[in-house]
Amino acid sequence: MGLWIGRGRKARRAYGLDEIALVPGELTINPNETDPSWEIAGRRFRVPIIASAMDGVVDVNFAVQLSKLGGLAVLNLEGIQTRYEDPGEVLQKIRNAGHEEATLLLQEIYRKPVQEKLIARRIEEIKRKGGVACVSSIPQKAEAFGKIAQEAGCDIFVVQSTVTTVKHLSTEYKTLDFHQFCKSMKMPVIIGNCVTYETTLELLETGAKALLIGIGPGAACTTRGVLGLGVPQVTATCDAAAARDFFYKKTGAYVPIIADGGMTTGGDICKAFACGADAVMVGSAFARCKEAPGGGYHWGMATPHANLPRGTRIHVGTTGALEEILFGPARMDDGTQNLMGALQTCMGNVGARNVRELQLVDIIIAPSIKTEGKVFQQAQRVGMGK
């Protein structure tokens, strides 16, 4: 498999979301009668769109609001919310910073150590206000933070890094035993991120209850530019879905995969599900909400890295309330609002009653899908021409 790229060297062709399209079905369904919900460890969520663990997207109030709408938001345990008693003042500094100074300012802000008491406090605040508490940590801090989170009543724990593997070598720090960690946790553990069939299969065998799929496609992520690393999201999701299905046939355990990053519109989200995702994780789409703490700004988790930033601060603006972004009515013409309406309408048009059926629809390679016949939209920078 693969194409020759030079003498004695082959490369596999991979595809991104902009290069494919979904084929309408022979049967169509009333969108209101489709079921886009997903399930993790026996817990069902009617909104399969998860808010990523980014400080410009999720704080306590945002997590609570999304929970009440039927979704899930992930709070970053190594972010501003757990480093500062009053994160609002710090967020204001980030919003006011000029483009040239933004990364340096973020590096300075994130030098302050995480306060363990704030980890418990933020989780307790989410729970007290009626939200689902889902939090994220890098593998090196997972054992310590996981214990605190569990004692505070956390519902779901995410272990996340740019690239996560079961086999990780280091002489500088203790590596996390994912098998033991998942076994010891009394709450479901989600692990990410990965993009290959083999790594997905190995991570599935750890006892994780879901996996995050995607390296580098996020709107604020620069990993692909800084490291030259990543697999386009269509191919990554399809490969991970194949591993999930093989694992299910082998063990009888169905472990959902979550496509993480690269989706800004309803169409992107629909394509990710068709490629095999059980849920999706997005950042910039939610960063546009009035409830998002970034105030229209969005930055990746690796942006403040002290030595090698792999993200940037971007301005996405504030376009509507969280409920409008998810359920409409859409006031924008570019597919960034009423994401759930778009998903259910797509499901109706391809004849999928649920996400499992959406994963089986016909997909075509269509590099002109966003440009064909759209010359006026492009010239006037409206709709799909933005």
Protein backbone atom coordinates (compact mmCIF):
# COMPACT_ATOMS: atom_id res chain seq x y z
CA MET A 1 0.00 0.00 0.00
CA GLY A 2 1.20 3.50 -0.75
CA LEU A 3 2.64 5.63 -3.54
CA TRP A 4 6.27 6.04 -4.51
CA ILE A 5 7.57 9.42 -3.34
CA GLY A 6 11.19 8.75 -4.26
CA ARG A 7 13.64 5.95 -4.93
CA GLY A 8 12.95 3.13 -2.48
CA ARG A 9 10.48 5.22 -0.46
CA LYS A 10 6.70 4.91 -0.35
CA ALA A 11 4.10 7.03 1.43
CA ARG A 12 0.50 6.21 2.18
CA ARG A 13 -2.17 8.62 0.88
CA ALA A 14 -4.26 10.08 3.69
CA TYR A 15 -7.40 12.23 3.57
CA GLY A 16 -8.75 15.22 5.47
CA LEU A 17 -12.32 16.40 6.03
CA ASP A 18 -12.24 18.89 3.15
CA GLU A 19 -11.51 16.09 0.66
CA ILE A 20 -14.59 13.91 1.16
CA ALA A 21 -18.37 14.12 0.96
CA LEU A 22 -21.25 11.93 2.12
CA VAL A 23 -23.64 10.34 -0.37
CA PRO A 24 -27.40 10.81 0.26
CA GLY A 25 -29.22 7.60 1.12
CA GLU A 26 -31.90 5.68 -0.74
CA LEU A 27 -34.06 6.08 2.37
CA THR A 28 -34.56 9.43 4.12
CA ILE A 29 -35.77 9.97 7.68
CA ASN A 30 -37.43 12.81 9.53
CA PRO A 31 -34.43 14.47 11.28
CA ASN A 32 -36.47 14.81 14.48
CA GLU A 33 -36.73 11.03 14.62
CA THR A 34 -32.99 10.37 14.50
CA ASP A 35 -30.95 9.62 17.62
CA PRO A 36 -27.44 11.18 17.66
CA SER A 37 -26.72 10.31 21.30
CA TRP A 38 -23.61 8.46 22.46
CA GLU A 39 -22.68 6.42 25.51
CA ILE A 40 -19.60 6.01 27.71
CA ALA A 41 -19.43 3.42 30.47
CA GLY A 42 -23.22 3.08 30.53
CA ARG A 43 -23.84 6.82 30.72
CA ARG A 44 -25.70 8.32 27.77
CA PHE A 45 -25.36 11.90 26.47
CA ARG A 46 -27.86 13.26 23.97
CA VAL A 47 -25.25 15.69 22.57
CA PRO A 48 -22.26 13.83 21.08
CA ILE A 49 -20.21 17.03 20.72
CA ILE A 50 -17.67 17.42 23.54
CA ALA A 51 -15.98 20.70 24.48
CA SER A 52 -12.21 20.30 24.54
CA ALA A 53 -10.05 20.93 27.60
CA MET A 54 -8.86 24.39 26.60
CA ASP A 55 -8.82 27.41 28.87
CA GLY A 56 -10.45 29.66 26.30
CA VAL A 57 -13.35 27.21 26.01
CA VAL A 58 -14.16 25.53 29.33
CA ASP A 59 -14.49 26.86 32.85
CA VAL A 60 -16.83 25.79 35.65
CA ASN A 61 -19.86 27.71 34.37
CA PHE A 62 -19.39 26.55 30.78
CA ALA A 63 -19.12 22.92 31.92
CA VAL A 64 -22.34 23.28 33.89
CA GLN A 65 -24.24 24.93 31.02
CA LEU A 66 -23.18 22.31 28.48
CA SER A 67 -24.08 19.52 30.92
CA LYS A 68 -27.58 20.94 31.28
CA LEU A 69 -27.95 20.94 27.50
CA GLY A 70 -27.07 17.24 27.37
CA GLY A 71 -23.39 17.47 26.52
CA LEU A 72 -19.97 17.12 28.11
CA ALA A 73 -17.19 19.67 28.65
CA VAL A 74 -13.64 18.84 29.75
CA LEU A 75 -11.89 21.10 32.27
CA ASN A 76 -8.10 21.38 31.96
CA LEU A 77 -6.53 20.50 35.33
CA GLU A 78 -3.26 22.14 34.30
CA GLY A 79 -4.77 25.38 33.12
CA ILE A 80 -5.68 28.77 34.45
CA GLN A 81 -8.65 27.46 36.43
CA THR A 82 -6.37 25.42 38.70
CA ARG A 83 -3.43 27.82 38.85
CA TYR A 84 -5.27 30.98 39.88
CA GLU A 85 -7.87 31.72 42.53
CA ASP A 86 -9.35 34.40 40.25
CA PRO A 87 -8.97 33.16 36.65
CA GLY A 88 -11.12 35.99 35.28
CA GLU A 89 -8.40 38.59 35.76
CA VAL A 90 -5.84 36.39 34.02
CA LEU A 91 -8.15 35.67 31.10
CA GLN A 92 -8.66 39.39 30.63
CA LYS A 93 -4.88 39.87 30.29
CA ILE A 94 -4.77 37.20 27.59
CA ARG A 95 -7.65 38.82 25.70
CA ASN A 96 -5.98 42.23 25.83
CA ALA A 97 -2.53 41.06 24.74
CA GLY A 98 -1.24 42.04 21.31
CA HIS A 99 -0.52 39.36 18.73
CA GLU A 100 3.25 39.58 19.12
CA GLU A 101 3.21 39.23 22.91
CA ALA A 102 0.47 36.62 23.29
CA THR A 103 2.66 33.51 23.36
CA LEU A 104 5.20 35.05 25.75
CA LEU A 105 2.39 36.15 28.04
CA LEU A 106 0.87 32.67 28.04
CA GLN A 107 4.24 31.13 28.87
CA GLU A 108 4.57 33.50 31.82
CA ILE A 109 1.01 32.89 33.06
CA TYR A 110 1.37 29.11 32.95
CA ARG A 111 4.61 29.12 34.93
CA LYS A 112 2.61 29.43 38.13
CA PRO A 113 2.22 25.97 39.68
CA VAL A 114 -1.08 24.13 39.77
CA GLN A 115 -2.73 24.38 43.19
CA GLU A 116 -4.09 20.99 44.18
CA LYS A 117 -6.75 22.58 46.36
CA LEU A 118 -8.16 24.29 43.26
CA ILE A 119 -8.48 20.94 41.46
CA ALA A 120 -10.88 19.70 44.10
CA ARG A 121 -12.63 23.06 44.35
CA ARG A 122 -13.39 23.34 40.62
CA ILE A 123 -14.74 19.78 40.46
CA GLU A 124 -16.90 20.36 43.52
CA GLU A 125 -18.21 23.61 42.02
CA ILE A 126 -19.27 21.82 38.83
CA LYS A 127 -21.01 19.07 40.79
CA ARG A 128 -22.69 21.49 43.18
CA LYS A 129 -24.16 23.43 40.27
CA GLY A 130 -25.57 20.30 38.67
CA GLY A 131 -22.95 19.63 36.00
CA VAL A 132 -21.05 16.55 34.89
CA ALA A 133 -17.44 16.86 36.08
CA CYS A 134 -15.01 15.73 33.38
CA VAL A 135 -11.36 16.80 33.74
CA SER A 136 -8.09 16.36 31.85
CA SER A 137 -4.45 15.80 32.80
CA ILE A 138 -1.21 14.89 31.04
CA PRO A 139 0.06 11.34 31.74
CA GLN A 140 2.88 12.51 34.04
CA LYS A 141 0.38 14.08 36.45
CA ALA A 142 -2.48 11.62 36.01
CA GLU A 143 -1.89 9.52 39.11
CA ALA A 144 -1.64 12.49 41.49
CA PHE A 145 -4.45 14.52 39.92
CA GLY A 146 -6.61 11.45 39.36
CA LYS A 147 -6.62 10.67 43.08
CA ILE A 148 -7.64 14.23 43.96
CA ALA A 149 -10.32 14.28 41.25
CA GLN A 150 -11.77 10.98 42.36
CA GLU A 151 -12.02 12.08 45.98
CA ALA A 152 -13.74 15.30 44.86
CA GLY A 153 -16.47 13.33 43.08
CA CYS A 154 -15.27 13.62 39.47
CA ASP A 155 -17.36 11.72 36.89
CA ILE A 156 -14.90 11.16 34.01
CA PHE A 157 -11.11 11.53 33.87
CA VAL A 158 -9.19 12.24 30.65
CA VAL A 159 -5.49 11.47 30.22
CA GLN A 160 -4.33 13.49 27.25
CA SER A 161 -1.12 14.49 25.50
CA THR A 162 -0.12 15.42 21.95
CA VAL A 163 0.88 11.81 21.19
CA THR A 164 -0.03 9.01 23.59
CA THR A 165 1.24 5.43 23.41
CA VAL A 166 1.15 2.47 25.78
CA LYS A 167 4.90 1.98 25.35
CA HIS A 168 6.63 5.21 26.44
CA LEU A 169 10.32 5.34 27.39
CA SER A 170 11.83 7.90 29.75
CA THR A 171 14.69 7.99 32.26
CA GLU A 172 13.76 11.50 33.48
CA TYR A 173 10.33 10.74 34.92
CA LYS A 174 8.11 7.82 35.82
CA THR A 175 5.93 6.68 32.95
CA LEU A 176 2.24 6.02 33.47
CA ASP A 177 1.08 2.41 33.44
CA PHE A 178 -2.23 2.87 31.62
CA HIS A 179 -3.44 -0.64 32.44
CA GLN A 180 -2.94 -0.14 36.15
CA PHE A 181 -4.28 3.42 36.08
CA CYS A 182 -7.54 2.47 34.35
CA LYS A 183 -7.96 -0.47 36.71
CA SER A 184 -7.42 1.66 39.82
CA MET A 185 -9.79 4.46 38.84
CA LYS A 186 -13.39 4.17 40.04
CA MET A 187 -14.53 6.50 37.24
CA PRO A 188 -14.31 6.05 33.45
CA VAL A 189 -10.97 6.99 31.89
CA ILE A 190 -10.61 8.48 28.42
CA ILE A 191 -7.14 8.33 26.82
CA GLY A 192 -5.74 10.40 23.95
CA ASN A 193 -4.42 11.26 21.52
CA CYS A 194 -3.53 8.74 18.82
CA VAL A 195 -4.04 8.34 15.06
CA THR A 196 -2.96 4.83 14.00
CA TYR A 197 -4.64 1.43 13.96
CA GLU A 198 -1.92 -0.28 15.99
CA THR A 199 -1.72 2.34 18.76
CA THR A 200 -5.51 2.53 18.99
CA LEU A 201 -5.69 -1.21 19.47
CA GLU A 202 -3.04 -1.17 22.21
CA LEU A 203 -4.78 1.69 24.04
CA LEU A 204 -8.12 -0.12 23.82
CA GLU A 205 -6.56 -3.04 25.68
CA THR A 206 -5.70 -0.82 28.69
CA GLY A 207 -9.28 -0.71 29.92
CA ALA A 208 -9.97 2.85 28.75
CA LYS A 209 -13.65 3.63 28.27
CA ALA A 210 -13.07 5.88 25.24
CA LEU A 211 -10.19 7.15 23.10
CA LEU A 212 -9.42 10.54 21.57
CA ILE A 213 -8.37 10.42 17.91
CA GLY A 214 -6.49 13.26 16.23
CA ILE A 215 -3.05 14.87 16.18
CA GLY A 216 -2.63 18.41 14.89
CA PRO A 217 -5.93 19.30 13.16
CA GLY A 218 -7.16 21.79 15.79
CA ALA A 219 -7.69 25.40 14.76
CA ALA A 220 -5.21 26.70 17.37
CA CYS A 221 -2.74 23.81 17.08
CA THR A 222 0.62 24.22 15.30
CA THR A 223 1.96 20.70 15.91
CA ARG A 224 1.94 19.90 12.21
CA GLY A 225 3.97 23.01 11.44
CA VAL A 226 6.36 22.76 14.39
CA LEU A 227 6.93 19.00 14.35
CA GLY A 228 5.74 17.98 10.87
CA LEU A 229 3.60 15.43 12.65
CA GLY A 230 0.01 14.26 12.19
CA VAL A 231 -2.44 12.24 10.13
CA PRO A 232 -5.39 13.93 8.38
CA GLN A 233 -8.57 13.41 10.38
CA VAL A 234 -10.53 11.27 7.90
CA THR A 235 -7.83 8.62 7.63
CA ALA A 236 -7.02 8.77 11.35
CA THR A 237 -10.67 8.27 12.31
CA CYS A 238 -11.26 5.47 9.81
CA ASP A 239 -8.17 3.58 11.02
CA ALA A 240 -9.13 4.02 14.67
CA ALA A 241 -12.70 2.87 13.94
CA ALA A 242 -11.35 -0.27 12.30
CA ALA A 243 -9.32 -1.00 15.45
CA ARG A 244 -12.37 -0.37 17.65
CA ASP A 245 -14.51 -2.75 15.59
CA PHE A 246 -11.80 -5.45 15.62
CA PHE A 247 -11.48 -5.07 19.40
CA TYR A 248 -15.25 -5.41 19.75
CA LYS A 249 -15.32 -8.62 17.70
CA LYS A 250 -12.41 -9.99 19.71
CA THR A 251 -13.60 -9.08 23.22
CA GLY A 252 -17.27 -8.13 23.02
CA ALA A 253 -16.42 -4.72 24.54
CA TYR A 254 -17.45 -1.70 22.48
CA VAL A 255 -15.21 1.26 23.32
CA PRO A 256 -16.21 4.55 21.64
CA ILE A 257 -13.72 6.67 19.75
CA ILE A 258 -13.89 10.47 19.79
CA ALA A 259 -12.62 12.43 16.78
CA ASP A 260 -10.71 15.34 18.30
CA GLY A 261 -9.97 18.50 16.33
CA GLY A 262 -10.33 19.92 12.84
CA MET A 263 -14.10 20.41 12.91
CA THR A 264 -15.52 23.92 12.81
CA THR A 265 -18.82 23.44 10.95
CA GLY A 266 -21.77 21.08 11.07
CA GLY A 267 -20.58 19.48 7.84
CA ASP A 268 -17.18 18.68 9.33
CA ILE A 269 -18.85 17.03 12.31
CA CYS A 270 -21.16 14.95 10.11
CA LYS A 271 -18.18 13.70 8.09
CA ALA A 272 -16.28 12.71 11.25
CA PHE A 273 -19.20 10.54 12.36
CA ALA A 274 -19.46 8.96 8.92
CA CYS A 275 -15.76 8.05 9.16
CA GLY A 276 -16.48 6.06 12.31
CA ALA A 277 -16.49 8.45 15.28
CA ASP A 278 -18.93 7.82 18.13
CA ALA A 279 -18.54 11.40 19.39
CA VAL A 280 -16.49 14.44 18.45
CA MET A 281 -14.44 16.93 20.46
CA VAL A 282 -14.27 20.56 19.30
CA GLY A 283 -12.69 23.74 20.59
CA SER A 284 -13.08 26.70 18.25
CA ALA A 285 -16.79 26.03 17.63
CA PHE A 286 -17.45 26.43 21.36
CA ALA A 287 -14.93 29.25 21.79
CA ARG A 288 -17.39 31.41 19.83
CA CYS A 289 -20.05 31.04 22.56
CA LYS A 290 -20.95 33.94 24.81
CA GLU A 291 -20.41 31.59 27.76
CA ALA A 292 -16.82 30.66 26.74
CA PRO A 293 -14.22 32.14 29.15
CA GLY A 294 -11.87 33.17 26.33
CA GLY A 295 -14.16 36.00 25.23
CA GLY A 296 -13.75 35.15 21.54
CA TYR A 297 -10.12 33.99 21.84
CA HIS A 298 -8.92 30.42 21.67
CA TRP A 299 -5.53 28.80 22.33
CA GLY A 300 -4.28 25.25 22.38
CA MET A 301 -3.12 23.30 25.42
CA ALA A 302 0.49 23.28 24.16
CA THR A 303 0.57 27.01 23.32
CA PRO A 304 2.19 28.03 26.64
CA HIS A 305 4.90 25.31 26.52
CA ALA A 306 8.02 26.84 28.02
CA ASN A 307 10.47 25.60 25.37
CA LEU A 308 8.53 24.52 22.26
CA PRO A 309 5.04 25.99 21.87
CA ARG A 310 2.83 23.92 19.55
CA GLY A 311 -0.16 26.20 19.43
CA THR A 312 -1.15 29.80 18.99
CA ARG A 313 -3.79 32.20 20.23
CA ILE A 314 -6.42 32.83 17.60
CA HIS A 315 -9.40 35.17 17.49
CA VAL A 316 -12.66 33.45 16.58
CA GLY A 317 -15.04 36.12 17.83
CA THR A 318 -18.25 35.70 19.82
CA THR A 319 -21.17 34.83 17.57
CA GLY A 320 -23.93 33.48 19.81
CA ALA A 321 -25.04 31.73 22.96
CA LEU A 322 -24.10 28.12 23.63
CA GLU A 323 -27.65 26.98 22.98
CA GLU A 324 -27.63 28.75 19.58
CA ILE A 325 -24.33 27.12 18.64
CA LEU A 326 -25.74 23.71 19.47
CA PHE A 327 -29.45 23.91 18.70
CA GLY A 328 -30.03 27.17 16.84
CA PRO A 329 -31.72 29.08 15.50
CA ALA A 330 -28.67 29.74 13.35
CA ARG A 331 -27.97 33.39 12.68
CA MET A 332 -24.81 32.73 10.68
CA ASP A 333 -24.66 31.37 7.13
CA ASP A 334 -21.40 29.42 7.41
CA GLY A 335 -22.43 26.25 9.25
CA THR A 336 -20.94 27.21 12.63
CA GLN A 337 -24.29 27.38 14.44
CA ASN A 338 -27.04 24.81 15.15
CA LEU A 339 -24.52 21.98 15.01
CA MET A 340 -26.99 19.45 16.37
CA GLY A 341 -29.59 20.51 13.81
CA ALA A 342 -27.03 20.00 11.06
CA LEU A 343 -26.08 16.57 12.38
CA GLN A 344 -29.67 15.34 12.63
CA THR A 345 -30.58 16.77 9.22
CA CYS A 346 -27.59 15.00 7.70
CA MET A 347 -28.60 11.77 9.42
CA GLY A 348 -32.08 12.13 7.97
CA ASN A 349 -30.79 12.72 4.46
CA VAL A 350 -28.46 9.72 4.46
CA GLY A 351 -31.07 7.48 6.12
CA ALA A 352 -29.24 6.94 9.42
CA ARG A 353 -31.45 6.47 12.48
CA ASN A 354 -28.49 6.58 14.86
CA VAL A 355 -24.74 7.18 14.90
CA ARG A 356 -23.91 3.52 14.25
CA GLU A 357 -25.89 3.68 11.01
CA LEU A 358 -24.27 7.03 10.12
CA GLN A 359 -20.89 5.29 10.37
CA LEU A 360 -21.91 3.02 7.48
CA VAL A 361 -22.95 5.60 4.86
CA ASP A 362 -21.24 5.90 1.49
CA ILE A 363 -18.29 8.31 1.38
CA ILE A 364 -16.74 9.70 -1.79
CA ILE A 365 -13.43 11.47 -2.40
CA ALA A 366 -14.52 14.95 -3.44
CA PRO A 367 -11.78 17.61 -3.31
CA SER A 368 -14.08 20.13 -5.03
CA ILE A 369 -16.93 19.67 -2.54
CA LYS A 370 -16.44 23.11 -0.99
CA THR A 371 -15.67 25.03 -4.19
CA GLU A 372 -17.89 23.57 -6.93
CA GLY A 373 -20.39 26.22 -8.04
CA LYS A 374 -19.51 28.54 -5.14
CA VAL A 375 -17.81 31.31 -7.12
CA PHE A 376 -20.20 34.04 -5.94
CA GLN A 377 -19.93 32.99 -2.28
CA GLN A 378 -16.14 33.08 -2.59
CA ALA A 379 -16.10 36.46 -4.34
CA GLN A 380 -18.48 37.97 -1.77
CA ARG A 381 -16.93 36.10 1.22
CA VAL A 382 -20.29 34.79 2.46
CA GLY A 383 -21.49 31.29 3.37
CA MET A 384 -18.93 28.71 2.21
CA GLY A 385 -16.75 31.46 0.77
CA LYS A 386 -15.62 32.80 4.16
